[in-house]
Every structure is written in C-alpha cells, then in structure tokens.
Amino acid sequence: MSKQLGFIFNADDCIGCTACEIACRNENQTEGDVRWRKVSKQTEGFLSMSCNHCNSPECFRVCPEHAFIKRHDGVVLIDSNLCTGCKLCIAACPYDAPQFDYETNKVSKCQMCYPRQDQGLPPACVEACSTLALQLVDLEDFYDPEAVPTITGVPDVRITQPSVVFYPITEKKRHFLVHS
C-alpha cells in the first residue's frame, strides 16, 4: 500500500503568527540562517513553506553523493554523513528547502519530524498551529475538490510535484446590519 505524507496549508486560516516556524526551530535546534520552515507575507495573507517532500525531488536528482533518500511514507531525508556541502541541491530546489549550515558545512532540511511521527506525534509545526492552517495528511487518501495544487507565492509545482495542497484565500463576504 503506497503512502505519501504531505502538508495541507489553508491560506485563509493562517494569521502569520510564525508559531510553526518557531516550533520547527525549537524541535530541530536549527540556528542562524538555517530555517527549515518559513512564514512569509504575501500580497494577500501569509504563506508557510518548508520542504515539500516532493514526488519528484530535484534535490534527490542532482545530488552527486546520493545523500537524499525517500522513505516508504514519502518523507525525503538527507544523510548528513554523505553530504559534502556542494550546494547543488540548494540551487536545484525551487522552494528554498535545503539550507546550508556554515557551522557544519553541510546541507540540512525539514525531515517532517519523522522521529515524532514514528512515535505517533504530528510534526512540531503542525502541532504548533493554533488555527489549524497547517495539517499533515496522507495524500494518497486525500481528496477535496476545494484543495488546489498551488497558490500565489508558490513556485511552479509541475517539475517536482510537491506533497502539499492548498486552500486559497477566499473572498470574504461582509454582512452589514441594516437599521430600520
């Protein structure tokens, strides 16, 4: 039975609080410029992005050391013992997911908190999201006609087929009280 874990991001529900980004930093003890999850302000609303654990990851394709692996659940990992810090994966990833760590001279990236998941817990970013704008799902079993493959601010998804779906910002309907 195939499985592809992925994120759901609901742009309507994200308030830009960066709790997901902070939880990721705390859980994975990343420092300095190494940010595996990033919240950015968009024209309308916010966007929370990390590694999308793509079906066809460019990082995997370009790594001369074959340091990237894809787990049975679709999570893409990097073996730091094999990484030489050449940065080809950084250049190839359209989502800026691989991050170069100047202290280790190696690349690291979101690993979807697989140690937490292996213990039955959600990724730290998902757990920290108080508005439920960020969720984890098995995309093999997920279907919602209102979910879309991309939204404004996300690079072209056709090459890598990222394991993320979006709910775009919807037009808010204003209700006016009429006094008689």
C-alpha atoms as a PDB file:
ATOM      1  CA  MET A   1       0.000   0.000   0.000  1.00  0.00           C
ATOM      2  CA  SER A   2       1.538   3.307  -1.061  1.00  0.00           C
ATOM      3  CA  LYS A   3       1.640   6.294   1.215  1.00  0.00           C
ATOM      4  CA  GLN A   4       2.663   9.895   0.579  1.00  0.00           C
ATOM      5  CA  LEU A   5       2.635  12.133   3.598  1.00  0.00           C
ATOM      6  CA  GLY A   6       2.169  15.779   2.798  1.00  0.00           C
ATOM      7  CA  PHE A   7       1.120  19.101   4.195  1.00  0.00           C
ATOM      8  CA  ILE A   8      -2.163  20.908   3.801  1.00  0.00           C
ATOM      9  CA  PHE A   9      -1.883  24.678   4.034  1.00  0.00           C
ATOM     10  CA  ASN A  10      -5.020  26.770   4.376  1.00  0.00           C
ATOM     11  CA  ALA A  11      -4.128  30.348   3.438  1.00  0.00           C
ATOM     12  CA  ASP A  12      -7.482  31.564   4.759  1.00  0.00           C
ATOM     13  CA  ASP A  13      -6.672  30.342   8.258  1.00  0.00           C
ATOM     14  CA  CYS A  14      -3.007  31.412   8.543  1.00  0.00           C
ATOM     15  CA  ILE A  15      -2.591  34.549  10.664  1.00  0.00           C
ATOM     16  CA  GLY A  16       1.168  34.866  10.167  1.00  0.00           C
ATOM     17  CA  CYS A  17       1.998  34.258  13.830  1.00  0.00           C
ATOM     18  CA  THR A  18       5.126  32.186  12.935  1.00  0.00           C
ATOM     19  CA  ALA A  19       4.348  29.609  15.657  1.00  0.00           C
ATOM     20  CA  CYS A  20       5.046  26.859  13.086  1.00  0.00           C
ATOM     21  CA  GLU A  21       8.421  28.376  12.217  1.00  0.00           C
ATOM     22  CA  ILE A  22       9.388  28.777  15.888  1.00  0.00           C
ATOM     23  CA  ALA A  23       8.260  25.234  16.758  1.00  0.00           C
ATOM     24  CA  CYS A  24      10.369  23.881  13.887  1.00  0.00           C
ATOM     25  CA  ARG A  25      13.445  25.793  15.077  1.00  0.00           C
ATOM     26  CA  ASN A  26      12.947  24.593  18.644  1.00  0.00           C
ATOM     27  CA  GLU A  27      12.273  20.956  17.740  1.00  0.00           C
ATOM     28  CA  ASN A  28      15.184  20.665  15.332  1.00  0.00           C
ATOM     29  CA  GLN A  29      17.550  23.050  17.109  1.00  0.00           C
ATOM     30  CA  THR A  30      18.330  24.991  13.940  1.00  0.00           C
ATOM     31  CA  GLU A  31      20.137  28.270  14.402  1.00  0.00           C
ATOM     32  CA  GLY A  32      21.179  31.368  12.485  1.00  0.00           C
ATOM     33  CA  ASP A  33      20.188  31.415   8.831  1.00  0.00           C
ATOM     34  CA  VAL A  34      19.050  27.773   8.858  1.00  0.00           C
ATOM     35  CA  ARG A  35      15.257  27.954   8.685  1.00  0.00           C
ATOM     36  CA  TRP A  36      13.507  24.777   7.615  1.00  0.00           C
ATOM     37  CA  ARG A  37      10.035  26.355   7.754  1.00  0.00           C
ATOM     38  CA  LYS A  38       9.450  29.942   6.732  1.00  0.00           C
ATOM     39  CA  VAL A  39       6.381  32.126   7.037  1.00  0.00           C
ATOM     40  CA  SER A  40       6.259  34.963   4.522  1.00  0.00           C
ATOM     41  CA  LYS A  41       3.850  37.813   3.898  1.00  0.00           C
ATOM     42  CA  GLN A  42       2.173  37.587   0.511  1.00  0.00           C
ATOM     43  CA  THR A  43       0.098  40.078  -1.443  1.00  0.00           C
ATOM     44  CA  GLU A  44      -2.924  38.631   0.299  1.00  0.00           C
ATOM     45  CA  GLY A  45      -2.277  36.876   3.580  1.00  0.00           C
ATOM     46  CA  PHE A  46       0.633  34.628   4.509  1.00  0.00           C
ATOM     47  CA  LEU A  47       2.405  31.527   3.259  1.00  0.00           C
ATOM     48  CA  SER A  48       4.066  28.874   5.435  1.00  0.00           C
ATOM     49  CA  MET A  49       6.513  26.711   3.499  1.00  0.00           C
ATOM     50  CA  SER A  50       9.124  24.067   4.198  1.00  0.00           C
ATOM     51  CA  CYS A  51      10.440  21.107   2.273  1.00  0.00           C
ATOM     52  CA  ASN A  52       7.501  19.708   0.344  1.00  0.00           C
ATOM     53  CA  HIS A  53       8.814  16.126   0.254  1.00  0.00           C
ATOM     54  CA  CYS A  54       8.200  16.100  -3.482  1.00  0.00           C
ATOM     55  CA  ASN A  55       7.193  13.111  -5.567  1.00  0.00           C
ATOM     56  CA  SER A  56       9.990  14.039  -7.970  1.00  0.00           C
ATOM     57  CA  PRO A  57      12.516  15.900  -5.804  1.00  0.00           C
ATOM     58  CA  GLU A  58      15.164  17.905  -7.638  1.00  0.00           C
ATOM     59  CA  CYS A  59      17.476  17.650  -4.608  1.00  0.00           C
ATOM     60  CA  PHE A  60      17.399  13.872  -4.983  1.00  0.00           C
ATOM     61  CA  ARG A  61      18.091  14.093  -8.708  1.00  0.00           C
ATOM     62  CA  VAL A  62      21.076  16.472  -8.602  1.00  0.00           C
ATOM     63  CA  CYS A  63      22.981  15.226  -5.536  1.00  0.00           C
ATOM     64  CA  PRO A  64      26.277  13.707  -6.743  1.00  0.00           C
ATOM     65  CA  GLU A  65      26.713  11.869  -3.428  1.00  0.00           C
ATOM     66  CA  HIS A  66      23.221  10.304  -3.445  1.00  0.00           C
ATOM     67  CA  ALA A  67      22.718  11.750   0.035  1.00  0.00           C
ATOM     68  CA  PHE A  68      18.936  12.007  -0.342  1.00  0.00           C
ATOM     69  CA  ILE A  69      16.592   9.135   0.359  1.00  0.00           C
ATOM     70  CA  LYS A  70      12.818   8.804   0.206  1.00  0.00           C
ATOM     71  CA  ARG A  71      11.181   6.818   2.977  1.00  0.00           C
ATOM     72  CA  HIS A  72       8.267   4.411   2.409  1.00  0.00           C
ATOM     73  CA  ASP A  73       5.903   7.154   3.649  1.00  0.00           C
ATOM     74  CA  GLY A  74       7.210   9.700   1.132  1.00  0.00           C
ATOM     75  CA  VAL A  75       9.371  11.698   3.544  1.00  0.00           C
ATOM     76  CA  VAL A  76      12.550  12.897   1.821  1.00  0.00           C
ATOM     77  CA  LEU A  77      15.634  12.801   4.057  1.00  0.00           C
ATOM     78  CA  ILE A  78      19.260  13.808   3.655  1.00  0.00           C
ATOM     79  CA  ASP A  79      22.043  11.641   5.056  1.00  0.00           C
ATOM     80  CA  SER A  80      24.437  14.194   6.558  1.00  0.00           C
ATOM     81  CA  ASN A  81      27.227  11.603   6.527  1.00  0.00           C
ATOM     82  CA  LEU A  82      27.081  11.570   2.724  1.00  0.00           C
ATOM     83  CA  CYS A  83      26.583  15.320   2.198  1.00  0.00           C
ATOM     84  CA  THR A  84      29.733  17.136   1.060  1.00  0.00           C
ATOM     85  CA  GLY A  85      28.135  20.592   1.145  1.00  0.00           C
ATOM     86  CA  CYS A  86      28.354  21.145  -2.620  1.00  0.00           C
ATOM     87  CA  LYS A  87      25.040  23.091  -2.524  1.00  0.00           C
ATOM     88  CA  LEU A  88      23.731  21.669  -5.815  1.00  0.00           C
ATOM     89  CA  CYS A  89      20.504  20.710  -4.032  1.00  0.00           C
ATOM     90  CA  ILE A  90      20.071  24.283  -2.807  1.00  0.00           C
ATOM     91  CA  ALA A  91      20.386  25.603  -6.352  1.00  0.00           C
ATOM     92  CA  ALA A  92      18.000  22.960  -7.724  1.00  0.00           C
ATOM     93  CA  CYS A  93      15.166  23.250  -5.196  1.00  0.00           C
ATOM     94  CA  PRO A  94      12.531  25.772  -6.303  1.00  0.00           C
ATOM     95  CA  TYR A  95      11.197  26.032  -2.730  1.00  0.00           C
ATOM     96  CA  ASP A  96      14.466  27.013  -0.971  1.00  0.00           C
ATOM     97  CA  ALA A  97      14.057  23.989   1.291  1.00  0.00           C
ATOM     98  CA  PRO A  98      17.658  22.745   1.643  1.00  0.00           C
ATOM     99  CA  GLN A  99      19.601  25.047   3.953  1.00  0.00           C
ATOM    100  CA  PHE A 100      23.384  25.369   4.164  1.00  0.00           C
ATOM    101  CA  ASP A 101      24.755  25.268   7.691  1.00  0.00           C
ATOM    102  CA  TYR A 102      28.024  27.213   7.862  1.00  0.00           C
ATOM    103  CA  GLU A 103      28.924  25.558  11.176  1.00  0.00           C
ATOM    104  CA  THR A 104      28.818  22.014   9.764  1.00  0.00           C
ATOM    105  CA  ASN A 105      29.496  22.932   6.091  1.00  0.00           C
ATOM    106  CA  LYS A 106      26.642  20.618   5.166  1.00  0.00           C
ATOM    107  CA  VAL A 107      23.093  20.933   3.944  1.00  0.00           C
ATOM    108  CA  SER A 108      20.084  20.147   6.109  1.00  0.00           C
ATOM    109  CA  LYS A 109      16.346  20.394   5.561  1.00  0.00           C
ATOM    110  CA  CYS A 110      12.943  19.638   7.012  1.00  0.00           C
ATOM    111  CA  GLN A 111      12.579  15.922   7.679  1.00  0.00           C
ATOM    112  CA  MET A 112       8.867  16.264   8.518  1.00  0.00           C
ATOM    113  CA  CYS A 113       9.716  15.474  12.147  1.00  0.00           C
ATOM    114  CA  TYR A 114       9.848  11.769  11.292  1.00  0.00           C
ATOM    115  CA  PRO A 115      11.132  10.866  14.798  1.00  0.00           C
ATOM    116  CA  ARG A 116       7.979  12.479  16.250  1.00  0.00           C
ATOM    117  CA  GLN A 117       5.793  10.757  13.648  1.00  0.00           C
ATOM    118  CA  ASP A 118       7.416   7.409  14.404  1.00  0.00           C
ATOM    119  CA  GLN A 119       6.167   7.955  17.982  1.00  0.00           C
ATOM    120  CA  GLY A 120       2.645   8.804  16.792  1.00  0.00           C
ATOM    121  CA  LEU A 121       3.045  12.581  17.146  1.00  0.00           C
ATOM    122  CA  PRO A 122       2.458  15.190  14.449  1.00  0.00           C
ATOM    123  CA  PRO A 123       5.312  17.348  13.131  1.00  0.00           C
ATOM    124  CA  ALA A 124       6.136  20.208  15.509  1.00  0.00           C
ATOM    125  CA  CYS A 125       4.953  22.836  13.005  1.00  0.00           C
ATOM    126  CA  VAL A 126       1.555  21.170  12.653  1.00  0.00           C
ATOM    127  CA  GLU A 127       1.152  20.775  16.403  1.00  0.00           C
ATOM    128  CA  ALA A 128       2.018  24.439  16.994  1.00  0.00           C
ATOM    129  CA  CYS A 129      -0.522  25.836  14.509  1.00  0.00           C
ATOM    130  CA  SER A 130      -3.359  27.153  16.674  1.00  0.00           C
ATOM    131  CA  THR A 131      -5.609  27.964  13.698  1.00  0.00           C
ATOM    132  CA  LEU A 132      -5.130  24.532  12.051  1.00  0.00           C
ATOM    133  CA  ALA A 133      -3.914  26.285   8.891  1.00  0.00           C
ATOM    134  CA  LEU A 134      -1.174  23.674   8.661  1.00  0.00           C
ATOM    135  CA  GLN A 135      -2.017  19.975   8.768  1.00  0.00           C
ATOM    136  CA  LEU A 136      -0.467  16.645   7.821  1.00  0.00           C
ATOM    137  CA  VAL A 137      -2.272  14.094   5.675  1.00  0.00           C
ATOM    138  CA  ASP A 138      -1.643  11.009   3.576  1.00  0.00           C
ATOM    139  CA  LEU A 139      -2.138  12.477   0.116  1.00  0.00           C
ATOM    140  CA  GLU A 140      -2.841   9.020  -1.319  1.00  0.00           C
ATOM    141  CA  ASP A 141      -6.116   9.009   0.654  1.00  0.00           C
ATOM    142  CA  PHE A 142      -6.889  12.729   0.466  1.00  0.00           C
ATOM    143  CA  TYR A 143      -9.347  14.338  -1.893  1.00  0.00           C
ATOM    144  CA  ASP A 144     -11.145  17.625  -1.560  1.00  0.00           C
ATOM    145  CA  PRO A 145     -12.333  19.441  -4.675  1.00  0.00           C
ATOM    146  CA  GLU A 146     -11.702  22.774  -2.918  1.00  0.00           C
ATOM    147  CA  ALA A 147      -7.996  21.984  -2.387  1.00  0.00           C
ATOM    148  CA  VAL A 148      -5.663  23.227  -5.128  1.00  0.00           C
ATOM    149  CA  PRO A 149      -2.109  22.262  -6.110  1.00  0.00           C
ATOM    150  CA  THR A 150      -0.688  25.789  -5.818  1.00  0.00           C
ATOM    151  CA  ILE A 151      -1.428  29.340  -4.682  1.00  0.00           C
ATOM    152  CA  THR A 152       0.165  32.749  -5.199  1.00  0.00           C
ATOM    153  CA  GLY A 153       3.737  32.790  -3.913  1.00  0.00           C
ATOM    154  CA  VAL A 154       4.465  29.102  -4.581  1.00  0.00           C
ATOM    155  CA  PRO A 155       6.976  28.343  -7.365  1.00  0.00           C
ATOM    156  CA  ASP A 156       5.960  26.170 -10.326  1.00  0.00           C
ATOM    157  CA  VAL A 157       4.857  22.786  -8.969  1.00  0.00           C
ATOM    158  CA  ARG A 158       4.950  20.882 -12.269  1.00  0.00           C
ATOM    159  CA  ILE A 159       8.625  19.843 -12.129  1.00  0.00           C
ATOM    160  CA  THR A 160       8.850  18.450  -8.604  1.00  0.00           C
ATOM    161  CA  GLN A 161       5.221  17.550  -7.818  1.00  0.00           C
ATOM    162  CA  PRO A 162       5.371  18.720  -4.185  1.00  0.00           C
ATOM    163  CA  SER A 163       3.494  16.821  -1.489  1.00  0.00           C
ATOM    164  CA  VAL A 164       1.432  19.782  -0.378  1.00  0.00           C
ATOM    165  CA  VAL A 165      -2.044  21.005  -1.195  1.00  0.00           C
ATOM    166  CA  PHE A 166      -3.541  24.388  -0.538  1.00  0.00           C
ATOM    167  CA  TYR A 167      -6.767  26.063   0.319  1.00  0.00           C
ATOM    168  CA  PRO A 168      -6.539  29.530  -1.194  1.00  0.00           C
ATOM    169  CA  ILE A 169      -7.748  32.747   0.354  1.00  0.00           C
ATOM    170  CA  THR A 170     -11.422  33.119  -0.343  1.00  0.00           C
ATOM    171  CA  GLU A 171     -13.260  36.344  -0.846  1.00  0.00           C
ATOM    172  CA  LYS A 172     -14.743  37.406   2.440  1.00  0.00           C
ATOM    173  CA  LYS A 173     -18.387  38.256   2.376  1.00  0.00           C
ATOM    174  CA  ARG A 174     -19.256  41.224   4.517  1.00  0.00           C
ATOM    175  CA  HIS A 175     -22.505  41.269   6.357  1.00  0.00           C
ATOM    176  CA  PHE A 176     -23.987  44.652   7.075  1.00  0.00           C
ATOM    177  CA  LEU A 177     -26.592  45.332   9.682  1.00  0.00           C
ATOM    178  CA  VAL A 178     -29.434  47.424   8.385  1.00  0.00           C
ATOM    179  CA  HIS A 179     -31.130  49.582  10.962  1.00  0.00           C
ATOM    180  CA  SER A 180     -34.775  50.307  10.326  1.00  0.00           C
END
